[in-house]
Amino acid sequence: MLVKSVCRRLRGKALPEYVYRDYGSLVALGRFTTVGNLMGSLTGGSIMIEGAIARFVYWSLHKMHQIALHGWFKASLSTYAHFISTPTRARIKLH
């Protein structure tokens, strides 16, 4: 979409109208607490999720972003490294 918009701008044509779509939000509140609000046309409204389901959705969304940025191979290596280094990692983030 960005490439098409830049090309249209360079040619002097009008840009397409931007339409915002709210898919909801997820918030990880520590290691064991995740909450979310999922929006969708399937239910016609919003669904509140929390606990293990919300944590899994948060984790899978994070992995999808890693795959989009770095590709399957690097995202897979990152996931593997995460699981083998878990026992030696600090339990809380300090930043």
Protein backbone atom coordinates (compact mmCIF):
# COMPACT_ATOMS: atom_id res chain seq x y z
CA MET A 1 0.00 0.00 0.00
CA LEU A 2 2.84 2.40 0.84
CA VAL A 3 4.64 1.75 -2.45
CA LYS A 4 1.45 2.35 -4.43
CA SER A 5 0.80 5.59 -2.52
CA VAL A 6 4.34 6.88 -3.11
CA CYS A 7 4.13 6.05 -6.83
CA ARG A 8 0.77 7.81 -7.12
CA ARG A 9 2.16 10.85 -5.27
CA LEU A 10 5.18 11.02 -7.62
CA ARG A 11 2.88 10.89 -10.65
CA GLY A 12 0.77 13.70 -9.21
CA LYS A 13 -2.34 11.57 -8.76
CA ALA A 14 -4.66 11.63 -5.76
CA LEU A 15 -3.88 9.28 -2.91
CA PRO A 16 -6.38 6.55 -1.97
CA GLU A 17 -8.49 7.28 1.07
CA TYR A 18 -7.19 5.66 4.26
CA VAL A 19 -9.67 3.44 6.11
CA TYR A 20 -8.81 2.51 9.70
CA ARG A 21 -9.77 -0.99 10.82
CA ASP A 22 -9.64 -1.74 14.53
CA TYR A 23 -8.74 -5.37 15.15
CA GLY A 24 -8.51 -4.93 18.90
CA SER A 25 -5.62 -4.80 21.31
CA LEU A 26 -3.57 -7.13 23.47
CA VAL A 27 -1.56 -6.22 26.56
CA ALA A 28 0.93 -8.49 28.31
CA LEU A 29 1.05 -7.56 31.98
CA GLY A 30 3.93 -9.71 33.15
CA ARG A 31 4.73 -13.33 32.64
CA PHE A 32 1.36 -14.82 33.58
CA THR A 33 -1.21 -12.11 32.86
CA THR A 34 -2.35 -11.09 29.40
CA VAL A 35 -5.62 -9.41 28.52
CA GLY A 36 -7.11 -8.47 25.21
CA ASN A 37 -10.04 -7.04 23.36
CA LEU A 38 -10.57 -8.59 19.93
CA MET A 39 -12.74 -6.82 17.39
CA GLY A 40 -14.19 -8.64 14.44
CA SER A 41 -17.02 -8.97 11.98
CA LEU A 42 -17.54 -12.61 12.98
CA THR A 43 -19.11 -11.67 16.31
CA GLY A 44 -20.37 -8.24 15.35
CA GLY A 45 -18.68 -6.66 18.35
CA SER A 46 -15.76 -7.16 20.65
CA ILE A 47 -14.63 -10.14 22.70
CA MET A 48 -12.64 -9.81 25.91
CA ILE A 49 -10.00 -12.52 26.34
CA GLU A 50 -7.56 -13.14 29.15
CA GLY A 51 -5.28 -15.78 30.59
CA ALA A 52 -3.72 -18.56 28.55
CA ILE A 53 -5.77 -17.86 25.41
CA ALA A 54 -4.79 -14.19 25.39
CA ARG A 55 -1.15 -15.11 26.05
CA PHE A 56 -1.17 -17.54 23.11
CA VAL A 57 -2.76 -14.93 20.80
CA TYR A 58 -0.18 -12.36 21.96
CA TRP A 59 2.70 -14.80 21.36
CA SER A 60 1.42 -15.83 17.91
CA LEU A 61 0.98 -12.20 16.86
CA HIS A 62 4.54 -11.48 18.03
CA LYS A 63 5.84 -14.42 15.96
CA MET A 64 3.88 -13.24 12.90
CA HIS A 65 5.59 -9.84 13.20
CA GLN A 66 9.00 -11.49 13.51
CA ILE A 67 8.34 -13.58 10.40
CA ALA A 68 7.22 -10.50 8.45
CA LEU A 69 10.36 -8.57 9.44
CA HIS A 70 13.05 -11.27 9.46
CA GLY A 71 11.67 -14.25 7.53
CA TRP A 72 10.84 -17.81 8.57
CA PHE A 73 14.41 -18.98 9.12
CA LYS A 74 15.52 -16.24 11.52
CA ALA A 75 12.17 -16.27 13.36
CA SER A 76 12.48 -20.05 13.83
CA LEU A 77 16.04 -19.70 15.16
CA SER A 78 14.89 -16.95 17.50
CA THR A 79 12.08 -19.13 18.85
CA TYR A 80 14.44 -22.07 19.34
CA ALA A 81 16.99 -19.87 21.12
CA HIS A 82 14.24 -18.53 23.36
CA PHE A 83 13.23 -22.01 24.50
CA ILE A 84 16.74 -23.30 25.15
CA SER A 85 17.80 -20.16 27.07
CA THR A 86 14.68 -19.86 29.25
CA PRO A 87 16.21 -21.45 32.40
CA THR A 88 19.09 -18.93 32.45
CA ARG A 89 17.14 -15.76 31.65
CA ALA A 90 16.05 -13.14 34.20
CA ARG A 91 12.41 -13.44 35.26
CA ILE A 92 11.56 -9.73 34.83
CA LYS A 93 12.51 -7.09 32.28
CA LEU A 94 14.65 -4.33 33.68
CA HIS A 95 14.10 -1.76 30.92
